[in-house]
Amino acid sequence: MAGGHEGASAAGSPDAGKGMAMGHHHDQKTLDAIFAHPMAMNVKWRDVEHVLDALGAELHVAHDGREVKASLNGVDRVLHVPHGPVIESRDQMVQLRHFLEEAGVTRSSLA
């Protein structure tokens, strides 16, 4: 991963997904956008990577950077990296939201 997030933190730790030492306003805005209704379609992929890292996810780049294998709170998922800097696909946003929901993440997980 370009930002060096690969394997950055342990998803199995007791604090994973609990907003440990973050409180970054920008991360919270990104998480709000992911869970927004109607669905936000202007979320930057690098911001998603930051949120996943902040939540304690393990991230591993696959297929020449086109996919990221993410593990969070015992939930594993392959996420497709958008072609540009912004997630423009509704399917990608739904996939990301479902992954976070299955991992027990809510809109207030970073609060």
Protein backbone atom coordinates (compact mmCIF):
# COMPACT_ATOMS: atom_id res chain seq x y z
CA MET A 1 0.00 0.00 0.00
CA ALA A 2 1.36 3.37 -0.91
CA GLY A 3 0.83 4.84 2.56
CA GLY A 4 2.69 2.03 4.28
CA HIS A 5 -0.34 0.71 6.11
CA GLU A 6 0.35 -2.92 5.32
CA GLY A 7 -0.07 -4.92 8.52
CA ALA A 8 0.01 -1.69 10.50
CA SER A 9 -1.97 -2.90 13.49
CA ALA A 10 -3.45 -5.97 15.06
CA ALA A 11 -7.14 -6.47 14.35
CA GLY A 12 -7.41 -9.02 17.13
CA SER A 13 -6.36 -6.59 19.85
CA PRO A 14 -8.95 -5.78 22.52
CA ASP A 15 -8.95 -2.13 21.47
CA ALA A 16 -9.47 -2.78 17.74
CA GLY A 17 -12.48 -0.88 16.43
CA LYS A 18 -12.86 1.09 19.64
CA GLY A 19 -11.36 4.38 18.46
CA MET A 20 -8.09 3.96 20.32
CA ALA A 21 -6.05 7.13 20.49
CA MET A 22 -7.52 8.64 17.34
CA GLY A 23 -10.28 11.13 17.58
CA HIS A 24 -9.11 12.63 14.31
CA HIS A 25 -11.89 14.81 12.97
CA HIS A 26 -11.05 13.89 9.37
CA ASP A 27 -11.30 10.14 10.10
CA GLN A 28 -14.69 10.70 11.73
CA LYS A 29 -15.89 12.68 8.71
CA THR A 30 -14.82 9.81 6.45
CA LEU A 31 -16.59 7.24 8.62
CA ASP A 32 -19.72 9.43 8.61
CA ALA A 33 -19.55 9.56 4.80
CA ILE A 34 -19.25 5.77 4.56
CA PHE A 35 -22.40 5.31 6.64
CA ALA A 36 -24.29 8.29 5.15
CA HIS A 37 -27.81 7.98 3.79
CA PRO A 38 -28.09 8.78 0.95
CA MET A 39 -24.76 7.18 0.15
CA ALA A 40 -21.84 9.57 -0.27
CA MET A 41 -20.04 9.09 -3.56
CA ASN A 42 -17.04 11.36 -2.98
CA VAL A 43 -14.99 9.37 -0.45
CA LYS A 44 -11.26 9.28 -1.15
CA TRP A 45 -9.65 5.85 -1.03
CA ARG A 46 -6.64 7.11 0.95
CA ASP A 47 -9.08 8.42 3.58
CA VAL A 48 -10.67 4.95 3.74
CA GLU A 49 -7.22 3.45 4.28
CA HIS A 50 -6.61 5.89 7.15
CA VAL A 51 -9.94 4.99 8.78
CA LEU A 52 -9.30 1.26 8.44
CA ASP A 53 -5.86 1.72 9.97
CA ALA A 54 -7.30 3.86 12.78
CA LEU A 55 -9.86 1.14 13.53
CA GLY A 56 -7.07 -1.42 13.86
CA ALA A 57 -7.48 -3.26 10.56
CA GLU A 58 -4.68 -5.26 9.02
CA LEU A 59 -4.31 -4.29 5.37
CA HIS A 60 -2.36 -6.22 2.73
CA VAL A 61 -2.05 -5.17 -0.91
CA ALA A 62 -2.90 -7.82 -3.50
CA HIS A 63 -3.03 -8.03 -7.31
CA ASP A 64 -0.64 -5.18 -8.10
CA GLY A 65 -2.47 -2.74 -5.83
CA ARG A 66 -5.92 -3.32 -7.32
CA GLU A 67 -7.17 -5.08 -4.19
CA VAL A 68 -6.58 -4.81 -0.47
CA LYS A 69 -7.08 -7.76 1.84
CA ALA A 70 -8.53 -6.29 5.02
CA SER A 71 -8.96 -8.00 8.40
CA LEU A 72 -10.82 -6.32 11.22
CA ASN A 73 -12.22 -7.86 14.40
CA GLY A 74 -12.09 -11.36 12.91
CA VAL A 75 -13.76 -10.37 9.64
CA ASP A 76 -11.73 -10.76 6.43
CA ARG A 77 -12.62 -9.15 3.12
CA VAL A 78 -10.99 -8.34 -0.19
CA LEU A 79 -11.74 -4.72 -1.05
CA HIS A 80 -11.34 -3.46 -4.59
CA VAL A 81 -9.28 -0.30 -4.91
CA PRO A 82 -10.92 2.31 -7.15
CA HIS A 83 -9.21 3.24 -10.42
CA GLY A 84 -9.01 6.90 -9.41
CA PRO A 85 -8.53 8.58 -6.04
CA VAL A 86 -12.26 8.63 -5.21
CA ILE A 87 -14.66 5.72 -4.69
CA GLU A 88 -17.23 6.30 -7.40
CA SER A 89 -18.86 2.88 -7.49
CA ARG A 90 -21.98 2.34 -5.42
CA ASP A 91 -21.06 -1.36 -5.21
CA GLN A 92 -17.66 -0.53 -3.70
CA MET A 93 -19.27 1.73 -1.09
CA VAL A 94 -21.82 -0.96 -0.20
CA GLN A 95 -19.05 -3.57 0.04
CA LEU A 96 -17.04 -1.30 2.34
CA ARG A 97 -20.05 -0.47 4.53
CA HIS A 98 -21.03 -4.15 4.86
CA PHE A 99 -17.46 -5.10 5.79
CA LEU A 100 -17.39 -2.48 8.54
CA GLU A 101 -20.84 -3.46 9.82
CA GLU A 102 -19.86 -7.15 9.98
CA ALA A 103 -16.73 -6.15 11.91
CA GLY A 104 -18.89 -4.34 14.46
CA VAL A 105 -17.99 -0.82 13.35
CA THR A 106 -20.60 1.89 13.70
CA ARG A 107 -20.66 5.56 12.83
CA SER A 108 -19.54 6.34 16.40
CA SER A 109 -16.65 3.85 16.56
CA LEU A 110 -14.07 6.63 16.30
CA ALA A 111 -15.78 8.98 18.75
